[in-house]
Amino acid sequence: MDCGLLRRGRILGTLAHRLRESGDRWGVAALCIGVGQGLAVVLENVTGGRG
């Protein structure tokens, strides 16, 4: 399995967990996808987050 894929999954999973823990509504993660490219992911906590 691609180690980069595992890292990206861990980053997004951690972000989702922190959003739920903190009660914040929005979170953003920046991910490297290789060969000079990047990806930004915005997650919304729809379970009652703040603001």
N, C-alpha and C. Protein backbone atom coordinates (compact mmCIF):
# COMPACT_ATOMS: atom_id res chain seq x y z
N MET A 1 0.84 -1.18 0.00
CA MET A 1 0.00 0.00 0.00
C MET A 1 0.88 1.24 0.00
N ASP A 2 0.41 2.28 -0.63
CA ASP A 2 1.12 3.56 -0.72
C ASP A 2 1.21 4.22 0.65
N CYS A 3 2.44 4.45 1.13
CA CYS A 3 2.63 5.09 2.44
C CYS A 3 2.06 6.50 2.46
N GLY A 4 2.16 7.21 1.33
CA GLY A 4 1.60 8.56 1.25
C GLY A 4 0.10 8.55 1.45
N LEU A 5 -0.57 7.54 0.91
CA LEU A 5 -2.02 7.42 1.08
C LEU A 5 -2.36 7.23 2.56
N LEU A 6 -1.57 6.44 3.26
CA LEU A 6 -1.81 6.24 4.69
C LEU A 6 -1.62 7.52 5.47
N ARG A 7 -0.59 8.29 5.14
CA ARG A 7 -0.36 9.57 5.83
C ARG A 7 -1.52 10.54 5.58
N ARG A 8 -1.96 10.62 4.35
CA ARG A 8 -3.08 11.53 4.03
C ARG A 8 -4.34 11.11 4.78
N GLY A 9 -4.58 9.82 4.86
CA GLY A 9 -5.73 9.32 5.60
C GLY A 9 -5.64 9.65 7.08
N ARG A 10 -4.43 9.55 7.64
CA ARG A 10 -4.23 9.87 9.05
C ARG A 10 -4.46 11.36 9.30
N ILE A 11 -3.98 12.20 8.41
CA ILE A 11 -4.16 13.64 8.56
C ILE A 11 -5.65 14.00 8.52
N LEU A 12 -6.39 13.46 7.57
CA LEU A 12 -7.82 13.77 7.46
C LEU A 12 -8.60 13.18 8.63
N GLY A 13 -8.24 11.98 9.05
CA GLY A 13 -8.91 11.36 10.20
C GLY A 13 -8.68 12.16 11.48
N THR A 14 -7.45 12.63 11.67
CA THR A 14 -7.13 13.45 12.84
C THR A 14 -7.90 14.75 12.80
N LEU A 15 -7.98 15.37 11.64
CA LEU A 15 -8.73 16.62 11.50
C LEU A 15 -10.20 16.41 11.85
N ALA A 16 -10.80 15.35 11.33
CA ALA A 16 -12.21 15.06 11.62
C ALA A 16 -12.42 14.82 13.11
N HIS A 17 -11.50 14.09 13.73
CA HIS A 17 -11.60 13.80 15.17
C HIS A 17 -11.49 15.09 15.98
N ARG A 18 -10.54 15.95 15.63
CA ARG A 18 -10.35 17.22 16.35
C ARG A 18 -11.56 18.14 16.19
N LEU A 19 -12.16 18.14 15.01
CA LEU A 19 -13.36 18.95 14.80
C LEU A 19 -14.48 18.50 15.72
N ARG A 20 -14.65 17.20 15.82
CA ARG A 20 -15.71 16.67 16.67
C ARG A 20 -15.41 16.95 18.14
N GLU A 21 -14.16 16.78 18.55
CA GLU A 21 -13.76 17.02 19.94
C GLU A 21 -13.94 18.48 20.35
N SER A 22 -13.49 19.39 19.48
CA SER A 22 -13.48 20.81 19.82
C SER A 22 -14.84 21.48 19.62
N GLY A 23 -15.67 20.88 18.77
CA GLY A 23 -16.96 21.49 18.47
C GLY A 23 -16.87 22.56 17.40
N ASP A 24 -15.67 22.75 16.83
CA ASP A 24 -15.52 23.72 15.74
C ASP A 24 -16.29 23.23 14.52
N ARG A 25 -16.64 24.16 13.66
CA ARG A 25 -17.44 23.79 12.49
C ARG A 25 -16.60 23.48 11.26
N TRP A 26 -15.49 24.21 11.06
CA TRP A 26 -14.69 24.07 9.85
C TRP A 26 -13.26 23.69 10.16
N GLY A 27 -12.67 22.91 9.28
CA GLY A 27 -11.26 22.58 9.38
C GLY A 27 -10.68 22.45 7.98
N VAL A 28 -9.38 22.71 7.85
CA VAL A 28 -8.72 22.62 6.55
C VAL A 28 -7.42 21.86 6.69
N ALA A 29 -7.11 21.05 5.70
CA ALA A 29 -5.85 20.30 5.68
C ALA A 29 -5.20 20.50 4.32
N ALA A 30 -3.88 20.64 4.33
CA ALA A 30 -3.10 20.74 3.09
C ALA A 30 -2.32 19.44 2.94
N LEU A 31 -2.44 18.81 1.79
CA LEU A 31 -1.84 17.50 1.57
C LEU A 31 -0.94 17.51 0.35
N CYS A 32 0.21 16.86 0.45
CA CYS A 32 1.10 16.67 -0.69
C CYS A 32 0.65 15.42 -1.42
N ILE A 33 0.47 15.51 -2.74
CA ILE A 33 0.06 14.33 -3.49
C ILE A 33 1.13 13.90 -4.49
N GLY A 34 2.31 14.48 -4.37
CA GLY A 34 3.44 14.04 -5.18
C GLY A 34 3.65 14.87 -6.43
N VAL A 35 4.83 14.69 -7.02
CA VAL A 35 5.30 15.38 -8.22
C VAL A 35 4.96 16.88 -8.24
N GLY A 36 5.19 17.54 -7.10
CA GLY A 36 5.00 18.97 -7.02
C GLY A 36 3.57 19.44 -6.91
N GLN A 37 2.65 18.53 -6.67
CA GLN A 37 1.24 18.89 -6.58
C GLN A 37 0.76 18.83 -5.14
N GLY A 38 -0.25 19.61 -4.85
CA GLY A 38 -0.83 19.62 -3.52
C GLY A 38 -2.34 19.65 -3.60
N LEU A 39 -2.95 19.43 -2.46
CA LEU A 39 -4.41 19.37 -2.40
C LEU A 39 -4.84 20.00 -1.09
N ALA A 40 -5.88 20.81 -1.13
CA ALA A 40 -6.47 21.36 0.09
C ALA A 40 -7.83 20.72 0.28
N VAL A 41 -8.11 20.32 1.52
CA VAL A 41 -9.38 19.70 1.84
C VAL A 41 -10.03 20.50 2.96
N VAL A 42 -11.29 20.89 2.77
CA VAL A 42 -12.04 21.59 3.80
C VAL A 42 -13.12 20.64 4.30
N LEU A 43 -13.14 20.44 5.63
CA LEU A 43 -14.15 19.58 6.25
C LEU A 43 -15.11 20.44 7.08
N GLU A 44 -16.38 20.10 7.02
CA GLU A 44 -17.39 20.77 7.83
C GLU A 44 -17.95 19.80 8.84
N ASN A 45 -17.99 20.22 10.09
CA ASN A 45 -18.59 19.43 11.15
C ASN A 45 -20.08 19.76 11.17
N VAL A 46 -20.91 18.84 10.69
CA VAL A 46 -22.35 19.09 10.60
C VAL A 46 -23.09 18.55 11.83
N THR A 47 -22.34 18.13 12.86
CA THR A 47 -22.96 17.59 14.07
C THR A 47 -23.10 18.65 15.15
N GLY A 48 -23.20 19.90 14.77
CA GLY A 48 -23.44 20.96 15.75
C GLY A 48 -22.23 21.79 16.10
N GLY A 49 -21.34 21.99 15.14
CA GLY A 49 -20.14 22.77 15.40
C GLY A 49 -20.43 24.26 15.56
N ARG A 50 -19.44 24.97 16.11
CA ARG A 50 -19.54 26.41 16.28
C ARG A 50 -19.26 27.12 14.97
N GLY A 51 -19.84 28.28 14.78
CA GLY A 51 -19.56 29.25 13.80
C GLY A 51 -19.37 29.00 12.42
